[in-house]
Amino acid sequence: MQDKLTRTFAALADPTRRAMLVRLSRGEATVSELAQPFLGTMSLPAVTKHLKVLEGAGLVTKGRNAQWRPCQLNPEPLQDAVDWMEQHRIAWEDRLDRLDAYLKTKAQSKGTPDGLPD
């Protein structure tokens, strides 16, 4: 069983699924509307499989309105991914800042502004 974050990143790894999420970011869409741009290159069952991956990751929810199956974007898993990346970004920026400070002290000890030989 994969954790939520792993399912989110796996779902985002595919350009077709990312395109579907971009479409849903503009508002609700039916399965047919989501499938339309891809039907020239893939079958409806293939599009449906992509939607199931997005649903499994919690990124898309499907409703029911008579015979229509409107899909909506659920931004919560995206926010969880952003939060995870932000934590790691802060840690890496701190490490890179310390490396920069270290390299500057090394450069100053060599007597040249950039620490490189003349």
Protein backbone atom coordinates (compact mmCIF):
# COMPACT_ATOMS: atom_id res chain seq x y z
CA MET A 1 0.00 0.00 0.00
CA GLN A 2 1.43 3.36 -1.05
CA ASP A 3 1.17 6.41 1.13
CA LYS A 4 -0.82 9.45 -0.04
CA LEU A 5 2.22 11.48 -1.03
CA THR A 6 3.61 8.65 -3.16
CA ARG A 7 0.26 8.27 -4.95
CA THR A 8 0.13 12.03 -5.55
CA PHE A 9 3.61 12.19 -7.06
CA ALA A 10 2.94 9.04 -9.14
CA ALA A 11 -0.24 10.60 -10.49
CA LEU A 12 1.56 13.85 -11.31
CA ALA A 13 4.33 11.99 -13.14
CA ASP A 14 2.23 11.57 -16.29
CA PRO A 15 1.69 14.54 -18.66
CA THR A 16 -1.80 13.38 -19.62
CA ARG A 17 -2.90 13.38 -16.00
CA ARG A 18 -1.29 16.78 -15.40
CA ALA A 19 -3.19 18.14 -18.42
CA MET A 20 -6.43 16.77 -16.97
CA LEU A 21 -5.69 18.53 -13.68
CA VAL A 22 -5.01 21.79 -15.53
CA ARG A 23 -8.40 21.46 -17.22
CA LEU A 24 -10.10 20.75 -13.89
CA SER A 25 -8.40 23.75 -12.32
CA ARG A 26 -10.66 25.85 -14.55
CA GLY A 27 -13.79 24.13 -13.22
CA GLU A 28 -15.83 20.95 -13.20
CA ALA A 29 -15.81 18.77 -16.33
CA THR A 30 -17.45 15.55 -17.41
CA VAL A 31 -15.40 12.49 -18.26
CA SER A 32 -16.23 13.08 -21.93
CA GLU A 33 -15.01 16.67 -21.75
CA LEU A 34 -11.78 15.58 -20.06
CA ALA A 35 -11.26 12.83 -22.64
CA GLN A 36 -11.89 15.00 -25.71
CA PRO A 37 -8.34 16.41 -26.18
CA PHE A 38 -6.80 12.93 -25.93
CA LEU A 39 -9.11 10.84 -28.10
CA GLY A 40 -6.93 11.33 -31.19
CA THR A 41 -4.03 9.57 -29.50
CA MET A 42 -5.64 7.22 -26.98
CA SER A 43 -8.82 5.27 -26.43
CA LEU A 44 -11.58 6.22 -24.00
CA PRO A 45 -10.67 3.26 -21.74
CA ALA A 46 -7.08 4.57 -21.57
CA VAL A 47 -8.35 8.02 -20.58
CA THR A 48 -10.57 6.39 -17.97
CA LYS A 49 -7.54 4.58 -16.52
CA HIS A 50 -5.76 7.92 -16.15
CA LEU A 51 -8.80 9.30 -14.34
CA LYS A 52 -8.81 6.30 -11.99
CA VAL A 53 -5.18 7.02 -11.07
CA LEU A 54 -6.11 10.64 -10.32
CA GLU A 55 -9.07 9.46 -8.25
CA GLY A 56 -6.91 6.93 -6.42
CA ALA A 57 -4.51 9.72 -5.48
CA GLY A 58 -7.45 11.78 -4.24
CA LEU A 59 -6.75 14.52 -6.80
CA VAL A 60 -10.09 14.11 -8.57
CA THR A 61 -13.55 13.39 -7.25
CA LYS A 62 -16.40 12.18 -9.43
CA GLY A 63 -19.99 13.09 -8.78
CA ARG A 64 -23.18 11.85 -10.28
CA ASN A 65 -25.75 14.04 -12.00
CA ALA A 66 -28.24 11.83 -13.85
CA GLN A 67 -26.16 10.14 -16.59
CA TRP A 68 -23.30 12.64 -16.25
CA ARG A 69 -20.19 11.97 -14.16
CA PRO A 70 -18.84 15.46 -13.37
CA CYS A 71 -15.24 15.50 -12.15
CA GLN A 72 -13.78 18.07 -9.81
CA LEU A 73 -10.25 18.88 -8.73
CA ASN A 74 -9.46 18.17 -5.09
CA PRO A 75 -6.49 20.43 -4.25
CA GLU A 76 -5.73 18.92 -0.82
CA PRO A 77 -3.23 16.27 -2.05
CA LEU A 78 -1.51 18.96 -4.14
CA GLN A 79 -1.13 21.13 -1.04
CA ASP A 80 0.34 18.17 0.85
CA ALA A 81 2.92 17.75 -1.95
CA VAL A 82 3.71 21.48 -1.92
CA ASP A 83 4.15 21.39 1.87
CA TRP A 84 6.53 18.42 1.59
CA MET A 85 8.57 20.14 -1.14
CA GLU A 86 8.67 23.38 0.85
CA GLN A 87 10.16 21.61 3.88
CA HIS A 88 12.90 20.14 1.71
CA ARG A 89 13.47 23.40 -0.16
CA ILE A 90 14.10 25.21 3.12
CA ALA A 91 16.54 22.52 4.26
CA TRP A 92 18.45 22.59 0.97
CA GLU A 93 18.59 26.37 0.88
CA ASP A 94 20.05 26.33 4.39
CA ARG A 95 22.68 23.78 3.33
CA LEU A 96 23.55 25.75 0.21
CA ASP A 97 23.80 28.99 2.20
CA ARG A 98 26.23 27.30 4.60
CA LEU A 99 28.26 25.97 1.66
CA ASP A 100 28.33 29.46 0.13
CA ALA A 101 29.55 30.96 3.41
CA TYR A 102 32.22 28.26 3.72
CA LEU A 103 33.46 28.80 0.18
CA LYS A 104 33.63 32.56 0.75
CA THR A 105 35.78 32.09 3.86
CA LYS A 106 38.06 29.76 1.90
CA ALA A 107 38.32 32.30 -0.92
CA GLN A 108 39.20 35.08 1.53
CA SER A 109 41.88 32.94 3.15
CA LYS A 110 43.53 32.48 -0.26
CA GLY A 111 43.74 36.23 -0.70
CA THR A 112 41.71 36.59 -3.90
CA PRO A 113 38.09 37.76 -4.09
CA ASP A 114 36.91 34.54 -5.70
CA GLY A 115 39.53 32.21 -4.21
CA LEU A 116 40.83 31.27 -7.64
CA PRO A 117 44.51 31.59 -8.59
CA ASP A 118 45.44 34.67 -10.64
